[in-house]
N, C-alpha and C. Protein backbone atom coordinates (compact mmCIF):
# COMPACT_ATOMS: atom_id res chain seq x y z
N MET A 1 68.14 123.23 120.77
CA MET A 1 67.47 124.44 120.29
C MET A 1 67.19 124.29 118.79
N ARG A 2 66.00 124.69 118.39
CA ARG A 2 65.62 124.64 116.98
C ARG A 2 65.33 126.04 116.50
N LEU A 3 65.70 126.33 115.25
CA LEU A 3 65.53 127.68 114.72
C LEU A 3 64.06 128.09 114.64
N ASP A 4 63.17 127.12 114.41
CA ASP A 4 61.75 127.48 114.30
C ASP A 4 61.11 127.75 115.65
N SER A 5 61.83 127.47 116.73
CA SER A 5 61.26 127.71 118.06
C SER A 5 61.80 128.99 118.70
N LEU A 6 62.66 129.73 117.99
CA LEU A 6 63.21 130.97 118.54
C LEU A 6 62.13 132.04 118.63
N ARG A 7 62.09 132.75 119.72
CA ARG A 7 61.13 133.83 119.92
C ARG A 7 61.85 135.01 120.55
N SER A 8 61.41 136.23 120.22
CA SER A 8 61.97 137.42 120.83
C SER A 8 61.48 137.53 122.27
N SER A 9 62.25 138.22 123.11
CA SER A 9 61.84 138.43 124.50
C SER A 9 60.60 139.31 124.54
N GLN A 10 59.85 139.22 125.63
CA GLN A 10 58.63 140.00 125.79
C GLN A 10 58.96 141.49 125.77
N GLY A 11 58.26 142.26 124.93
CA GLY A 11 58.44 143.71 124.89
C GLY A 11 59.52 144.19 123.95
N VAL A 12 60.24 143.28 123.33
CA VAL A 12 61.30 143.68 122.42
C VAL A 12 60.71 144.19 121.11
N GLN A 13 59.75 143.46 120.57
CA GLN A 13 59.12 143.88 119.33
C GLN A 13 57.89 144.71 119.63
N LYS A 14 57.95 145.97 119.20
CA LYS A 14 56.84 146.87 119.46
C LYS A 14 55.81 146.73 118.34
N GLY A 15 54.55 146.69 118.67
CA GLY A 15 53.50 146.57 117.66
C GLY A 15 53.41 147.85 116.83
N ARG A 16 52.97 147.71 115.58
CA ARG A 16 52.90 148.89 114.73
C ARG A 16 51.72 149.77 115.14
N LYS A 17 51.84 151.06 114.90
CA LYS A 17 50.79 152.01 115.23
C LYS A 17 49.66 151.85 114.22
N ARG A 18 48.46 151.55 114.69
CA ARG A 18 47.32 151.39 113.80
C ARG A 18 46.63 152.75 113.66
N ILE A 19 46.67 153.28 112.44
CA ILE A 19 46.12 154.61 112.22
C ILE A 19 44.72 154.51 111.62
N GLY A 20 43.96 155.57 111.78
CA GLY A 20 42.61 155.63 111.21
C GLY A 20 41.64 154.73 111.94
N ARG A 21 41.79 154.56 113.25
CA ARG A 21 40.90 153.69 114.01
C ARG A 21 40.15 154.47 115.10
N GLY A 22 39.76 155.70 114.76
CA GLY A 22 38.93 156.47 115.69
C GLY A 22 39.73 157.48 116.50
N GLN A 23 39.00 158.47 117.06
CA GLN A 23 39.61 159.56 117.81
C GLN A 23 40.34 159.07 119.05
N GLY A 24 39.81 158.07 119.71
CA GLY A 24 40.40 157.59 120.95
C GLY A 24 41.77 156.95 120.77
N SER A 25 42.09 156.56 119.56
CA SER A 25 43.36 155.86 119.34
C SER A 25 44.56 156.81 119.32
N GLY A 26 44.28 158.12 119.14
CA GLY A 26 45.38 159.08 119.05
C GLY A 26 45.83 159.29 117.61
N LYS A 27 45.40 158.44 116.70
CA LYS A 27 45.73 158.60 115.29
C LYS A 27 44.46 158.43 114.46
N GLY A 28 43.41 159.16 114.86
CA GLY A 28 42.15 159.06 114.13
C GLY A 28 41.97 160.24 113.21
N GLN A 29 40.78 160.43 112.71
CA GLN A 29 40.38 161.51 111.82
C GLN A 29 41.34 161.69 110.65
N THR A 30 42.38 162.54 110.77
CA THR A 30 43.28 162.75 109.64
C THR A 30 44.46 161.78 109.68
N SER A 31 44.49 160.92 110.64
CA SER A 31 45.49 159.86 110.76
C SER A 31 46.93 160.37 110.77
N GLY A 32 47.14 161.52 111.41
CA GLY A 32 48.49 162.03 111.58
C GLY A 32 49.06 162.72 110.36
N ARG A 33 48.21 162.98 109.34
CA ARG A 33 48.71 163.61 108.12
C ARG A 33 48.46 165.11 108.09
N GLY A 34 47.88 165.66 109.14
CA GLY A 34 47.52 167.08 109.12
C GLY A 34 46.26 167.28 108.30
N THR A 35 45.91 168.55 108.06
CA THR A 35 44.71 168.81 107.26
C THR A 35 45.10 169.41 105.93
N LYS A 36 44.49 168.93 104.89
CA LYS A 36 44.70 169.41 103.51
C LYS A 36 46.16 169.33 103.08
N GLY A 37 46.40 169.77 101.89
CA GLY A 37 47.76 169.81 101.37
C GLY A 37 48.17 168.52 100.68
N TYR A 38 49.28 168.62 99.97
CA TYR A 38 49.77 167.52 99.12
C TYR A 38 50.01 166.24 99.90
N HIS A 39 50.63 166.35 101.06
CA HIS A 39 51.01 165.14 101.80
C HIS A 39 49.88 164.55 102.62
N SER A 40 48.73 165.20 102.62
CA SER A 40 47.59 164.58 103.28
C SER A 40 46.89 163.61 102.34
N ARG A 41 47.17 163.74 101.04
CA ARG A 41 46.52 162.90 100.03
C ARG A 41 47.28 161.59 99.82
N SER A 42 46.59 160.61 99.29
CA SER A 42 47.28 159.38 98.94
C SER A 42 48.09 159.62 97.67
N GLY A 43 49.17 158.90 97.52
CA GLY A 43 50.00 159.05 96.33
C GLY A 43 51.07 160.10 96.48
N SER A 44 51.09 160.82 97.61
CA SER A 44 52.13 161.84 97.80
C SER A 44 53.43 161.16 98.21
N LYS A 45 54.54 161.70 97.73
CA LYS A 45 55.84 161.09 98.05
C LYS A 45 56.79 162.20 98.47
N ARG A 46 57.64 161.92 99.45
CA ARG A 46 58.74 162.81 99.77
C ARG A 46 59.98 162.17 99.18
N ARG A 47 60.59 162.83 98.22
CA ARG A 47 61.80 162.29 97.61
C ARG A 47 62.92 162.23 98.64
N ALA A 48 63.77 161.24 98.53
CA ALA A 48 64.84 161.04 99.50
C ALA A 48 65.79 162.24 99.56
N TRP A 49 65.94 162.94 98.41
CA TRP A 49 66.90 164.06 98.37
C TRP A 49 66.24 165.41 98.64
N TYR A 50 64.92 165.43 98.80
CA TYR A 50 64.22 166.70 98.97
C TYR A 50 64.41 167.23 100.37
N GLU A 51 64.74 168.53 100.49
CA GLU A 51 65.04 169.12 101.79
C GLU A 51 64.05 170.21 102.16
N GLY A 52 62.81 170.06 101.71
CA GLY A 52 61.76 170.99 102.10
C GLY A 52 61.87 172.36 101.47
N GLY A 53 62.48 172.46 100.31
CA GLY A 53 62.62 173.74 99.64
C GLY A 53 63.94 174.43 99.94
N GLN A 54 64.61 173.98 100.99
CA GLN A 54 65.96 174.50 101.30
C GLN A 54 66.91 174.15 100.15
N MET A 55 67.91 174.97 99.92
CA MET A 55 68.88 174.70 98.86
C MET A 55 69.55 173.35 99.14
N PRO A 56 69.43 172.38 98.24
CA PRO A 56 69.92 171.03 98.50
C PRO A 56 71.44 170.98 98.72
N LEU A 57 71.86 170.02 99.50
CA LEU A 57 73.27 169.89 99.87
C LEU A 57 74.16 169.81 98.64
N GLN A 58 73.74 169.03 97.64
CA GLN A 58 74.61 168.84 96.48
C GLN A 58 74.71 170.11 95.65
N ARG A 59 73.84 171.09 95.86
CA ARG A 59 73.97 172.39 95.19
C ARG A 59 74.67 173.41 96.07
N ARG A 60 74.63 173.21 97.40
CA ARG A 60 75.30 174.14 98.32
C ARG A 60 76.82 173.96 98.32
N VAL A 61 77.25 172.69 98.16
CA VAL A 61 78.68 172.39 98.25
C VAL A 61 79.35 172.72 96.93
N PRO A 62 80.49 173.44 96.95
CA PRO A 62 81.15 173.79 95.70
C PRO A 62 81.72 172.56 94.99
N LYS A 63 81.68 172.62 93.66
CA LYS A 63 82.22 171.51 92.86
C LYS A 63 83.68 171.80 92.62
N ARG A 64 84.55 170.87 93.02
CA ARG A 64 85.98 171.07 92.84
C ARG A 64 86.64 169.79 92.40
N GLY A 65 87.83 169.93 91.86
CA GLY A 65 88.62 168.75 91.54
C GLY A 65 88.31 168.18 90.17
N PHE A 66 88.96 167.08 89.91
CA PHE A 66 88.86 166.45 88.60
C PHE A 66 88.70 164.96 88.80
N SER A 67 87.83 164.36 88.02
CA SER A 67 87.65 162.91 88.08
C SER A 67 88.05 162.31 86.75
N ASN A 68 88.86 161.30 86.80
CA ASN A 68 89.33 160.65 85.59
C ASN A 68 88.36 159.57 85.13
N ALA A 69 87.26 159.38 85.85
CA ALA A 69 86.33 158.28 85.57
C ALA A 69 85.76 158.34 84.15
N ARG A 70 85.56 159.55 83.62
CA ARG A 70 85.00 159.68 82.27
C ARG A 70 85.93 159.12 81.21
N PHE A 71 87.23 159.09 81.50
CA PHE A 71 88.22 158.70 80.50
C PHE A 71 88.77 157.30 80.73
N LYS A 72 88.19 156.57 81.68
CA LYS A 72 88.66 155.23 82.00
C LYS A 72 88.39 154.28 80.82
N ARG A 73 89.37 153.43 80.52
CA ARG A 73 89.18 152.42 79.48
C ARG A 73 88.78 151.12 80.15
N SER A 74 87.65 150.58 79.77
CA SER A 74 87.23 149.30 80.34
C SER A 74 87.44 148.22 79.28
N TYR A 75 88.11 147.16 79.69
CA TYR A 75 88.47 146.08 78.78
C TYR A 75 87.54 144.88 78.95
N GLN A 76 87.35 144.14 77.86
CA GLN A 76 86.75 142.82 77.94
C GLN A 76 87.90 141.87 78.24
N ILE A 77 87.72 141.00 79.20
CA ILE A 77 88.82 140.15 79.66
C ILE A 77 88.69 138.75 79.10
N VAL A 78 89.82 138.24 78.60
CA VAL A 78 89.89 136.86 78.10
C VAL A 78 91.10 136.20 78.74
N ASN A 79 90.92 135.01 79.30
CA ASN A 79 92.03 134.28 79.91
C ASN A 79 92.66 133.33 78.89
N LEU A 80 93.94 133.03 79.12
CA LEU A 80 94.66 132.13 78.22
C LEU A 80 94.02 130.74 78.16
N SER A 81 93.43 130.31 79.27
CA SER A 81 92.78 128.98 79.31
C SER A 81 91.66 128.90 78.28
N ARG A 82 90.91 129.99 78.09
CA ARG A 82 89.82 130.01 77.10
C ARG A 82 90.37 130.01 75.69
N ILE A 83 91.48 130.73 75.48
CA ILE A 83 92.11 130.79 74.16
C ILE A 83 92.67 129.42 73.78
N ALA A 84 93.25 128.71 74.76
CA ALA A 84 93.85 127.40 74.51
C ALA A 84 92.81 126.38 74.08
N THR A 85 91.58 126.52 74.57
CA THR A 85 90.53 125.54 74.24
C THR A 85 90.10 125.60 72.77
N LEU A 86 90.36 126.75 72.11
CA LEU A 86 89.95 126.90 70.72
C LEU A 86 90.79 126.04 69.78
N GLY A 87 92.09 125.88 70.10
CA GLY A 87 92.95 125.04 69.28
C GLY A 87 93.32 125.66 67.94
N LEU A 88 93.36 126.98 67.86
CA LEU A 88 93.73 127.67 66.62
C LEU A 88 95.17 128.15 66.71
N SER A 89 95.78 128.43 65.55
CA SER A 89 97.16 128.91 65.56
C SER A 89 97.23 130.44 65.60
N GLU A 90 96.20 131.12 65.10
CA GLU A 90 96.13 132.58 65.15
C GLU A 90 94.77 133.01 65.68
N ILE A 91 94.81 133.94 66.62
CA ILE A 91 93.56 134.42 67.21
C ILE A 91 93.59 135.93 67.27
N ASP A 92 92.55 136.58 66.74
CA ASP A 92 92.41 138.02 66.87
C ASP A 92 91.05 138.32 67.51
N ILE A 93 90.72 139.59 67.63
CA ILE A 93 89.49 139.99 68.33
C ILE A 93 88.25 139.49 67.62
N LEU A 94 88.24 139.50 66.28
CA LEU A 94 87.07 139.01 65.53
C LEU A 94 86.87 137.51 65.74
N THR A 95 87.99 136.76 65.80
CA THR A 95 87.89 135.32 66.07
C THR A 95 87.32 135.08 67.46
N MET A 96 87.79 135.89 68.44
CA MET A 96 87.28 135.77 69.81
C MET A 96 85.79 136.05 69.84
N LYS A 97 85.34 137.04 69.07
CA LYS A 97 83.91 137.37 69.02
C LYS A 97 83.11 136.22 68.41
N ASP A 98 83.64 135.64 67.31
CA ASP A 98 82.95 134.54 66.64
C ASP A 98 82.81 133.31 67.53
N HIS A 99 83.81 133.08 68.39
CA HIS A 99 83.78 131.90 69.27
C HIS A 99 83.18 132.20 70.65
N GLY A 100 82.66 133.43 70.84
CA GLY A 100 81.95 133.77 72.07
C GLY A 100 82.83 134.09 73.26
N LEU A 101 84.11 134.40 73.03
CA LEU A 101 84.99 134.76 74.14
C LEU A 101 84.76 136.20 74.59
N VAL A 102 84.36 137.07 73.64
CA VAL A 102 84.03 138.46 73.97
C VAL A 102 82.67 138.78 73.37
N LYS A 103 82.03 139.81 73.90
CA LYS A 103 80.69 140.16 73.43
C LYS A 103 80.72 141.10 72.23
N ALA A 104 81.68 142.04 72.23
CA ALA A 104 81.71 143.03 71.15
C ALA A 104 83.11 143.16 70.60
N ALA A 105 83.23 143.18 69.27
CA ALA A 105 84.53 143.34 68.63
C ALA A 105 84.99 144.79 68.68
N SER A 106 84.06 145.71 68.92
CA SER A 106 84.40 147.14 68.92
C SER A 106 85.03 147.60 70.23
N LYS A 107 84.82 146.86 71.32
CA LYS A 107 85.37 147.24 72.62
C LYS A 107 86.74 146.59 72.80
N PRO A 108 87.66 147.27 73.54
CA PRO A 108 89.01 146.74 73.70
C PRO A 108 89.05 145.43 74.49
N VAL A 109 90.02 144.57 74.14
CA VAL A 109 90.16 143.25 74.76
C VAL A 109 91.51 143.16 75.44
N LYS A 110 91.53 142.62 76.65
CA LYS A 110 92.78 142.39 77.37
C LYS A 110 92.90 140.90 77.66
N VAL A 111 94.09 140.35 77.40
CA VAL A 111 94.34 138.93 77.64
C VAL A 111 95.07 138.80 78.96
N LEU A 112 94.54 137.96 79.85
CA LEU A 112 95.14 137.71 81.15
C LEU A 112 95.74 136.31 81.19
N ALA A 113 96.59 136.05 82.19
CA ALA A 113 97.46 134.87 82.20
C ALA A 113 96.89 133.64 82.89
N GLU A 114 95.60 133.62 83.19
CA GLU A 114 95.06 132.44 83.89
C GLU A 114 94.98 131.26 82.92
N GLY A 115 95.60 130.16 83.29
CA GLY A 115 95.61 128.97 82.43
C GLY A 115 96.97 128.78 81.79
N GLU A 116 97.10 127.67 81.06
CA GLU A 116 98.37 127.33 80.42
C GLU A 116 98.17 127.17 78.92
N LEU A 117 99.23 127.49 78.15
CA LEU A 117 99.24 127.27 76.71
C LEU A 117 100.17 126.12 76.41
N LEU A 118 99.73 125.15 75.62
CA LEU A 118 100.55 124.01 75.27
C LEU A 118 101.11 124.13 73.86
N SER A 119 100.44 124.89 72.99
CA SER A 119 100.91 125.06 71.62
C SER A 119 101.20 126.53 71.34
N SER A 120 101.97 126.78 70.28
CA SER A 120 102.30 128.17 69.95
C SER A 120 101.13 128.82 69.23
N ILE A 121 100.75 129.99 69.72
CA ILE A 121 99.60 130.72 69.18
C ILE A 121 100.00 132.19 68.99
N VAL A 122 99.56 132.78 67.89
CA VAL A 122 99.73 134.22 67.68
C VAL A 122 98.43 134.88 68.13
N VAL A 123 98.51 135.66 69.21
CA VAL A 123 97.31 136.29 69.78
C VAL A 123 97.37 137.79 69.54
N SER A 124 96.32 138.34 68.94
CA SER A 124 96.21 139.79 68.71
C SER A 124 95.11 140.34 69.61
N ALA A 125 95.47 141.34 70.41
CA ALA A 125 94.50 141.98 71.31
C ALA A 125 94.95 143.41 71.59
N ASN A 126 94.11 144.17 72.28
CA ASN A 126 94.43 145.56 72.60
C ASN A 126 95.44 145.66 73.74
N ALA A 127 95.42 144.71 74.67
CA ALA A 127 96.33 144.76 75.81
C ALA A 127 96.58 143.35 76.34
N PHE A 128 97.73 143.18 76.99
CA PHE A 128 98.11 141.90 77.59
C PHE A 128 98.67 142.17 78.97
N SER A 129 98.45 141.23 79.89
CA SER A 129 99.14 141.33 81.17
C SER A 129 100.57 140.84 80.94
N ARG A 130 101.49 141.27 81.81
CA ARG A 130 102.89 140.91 81.66
C ARG A 130 103.08 139.39 81.67
N LYS A 131 102.38 138.73 82.59
CA LYS A 131 102.51 137.27 82.69
C LYS A 131 101.91 136.56 81.48
N ALA A 132 100.86 137.13 80.91
CA ALA A 132 100.24 136.53 79.73
C ALA A 132 101.24 136.54 78.57
N VAL A 133 101.96 137.66 78.39
CA VAL A 133 102.96 137.76 77.34
C VAL A 133 104.06 136.72 77.56
N GLU A 134 104.49 136.58 78.83
CA GLU A 134 105.53 135.59 79.16
C GLU A 134 105.08 134.18 78.81
N LYS A 135 103.85 133.83 79.16
CA LYS A 135 103.34 132.48 78.91
C LYS A 135 103.18 132.21 77.41
N ILE A 136 102.70 133.21 76.66
CA ILE A 136 102.52 133.04 75.22
C ILE A 136 103.88 132.83 74.55
N GLU A 137 104.88 133.65 74.91
CA GLU A 137 106.21 133.53 74.32
C GLU A 137 106.92 132.26 74.75
N LYS A 138 106.69 131.82 75.97
CA LYS A 138 107.28 130.58 76.48
C LYS A 138 106.77 129.37 75.68
N ALA A 139 105.49 129.45 75.26
CA ALA A 139 104.91 128.35 74.47
C ALA A 139 105.31 128.45 73.00
N GLY A 140 106.07 129.50 72.65
CA GLY A 140 106.52 129.65 71.26
C GLY A 140 105.61 130.51 70.42
N GLY A 141 104.70 131.21 71.04
CA GLY A 141 103.76 132.06 70.31
C GLY A 141 104.19 133.51 70.30
N GLU A 142 103.25 134.36 69.94
CA GLU A 142 103.54 135.79 69.86
C GLU A 142 102.32 136.57 70.33
N ALA A 143 102.58 137.63 71.11
CA ALA A 143 101.51 138.52 71.58
C ALA A 143 101.59 139.81 70.78
N VAL A 144 100.58 140.08 69.97
CA VAL A 144 100.56 141.25 69.11
C VAL A 144 99.56 142.26 69.66
N VAL A 145 100.06 143.49 69.98
CA VAL A 145 99.17 144.55 70.45
C VAL A 145 98.58 145.26 69.25
N VAL A 146 97.24 145.30 69.18
CA VAL A 146 96.54 145.92 68.05
C VAL A 146 96.45 147.41 68.28
């Protein structure tokens, strides 16, 4: 069997309705759009959320509860393997920005434990994973929370 020789069974795929092909076709004259009005014209759109003038669902349902999403802190992530490649003895957020490890110095940075450290490094960041702190201290370095 070859993929280019696959065919659907007879009658499985229904042909599309051809509109505007005369009265005898069943979809002639106004082509199923009714007469006059906004939706009979080209360029008319029905928005996905529009319910025909009925009060929309998202306005009918009462708003309740609290979402913490507005207050979530999102960190820029840096792994120890990337820090180790720099070969510096002290690394802070500005150094990470200069070497392209993070995009913005103004956003918080979190150091994660992927990779190994061979030399002692003093790393300054906004947050560290528990294992990252262990690995930095094991190598003789220090993890400083800014």
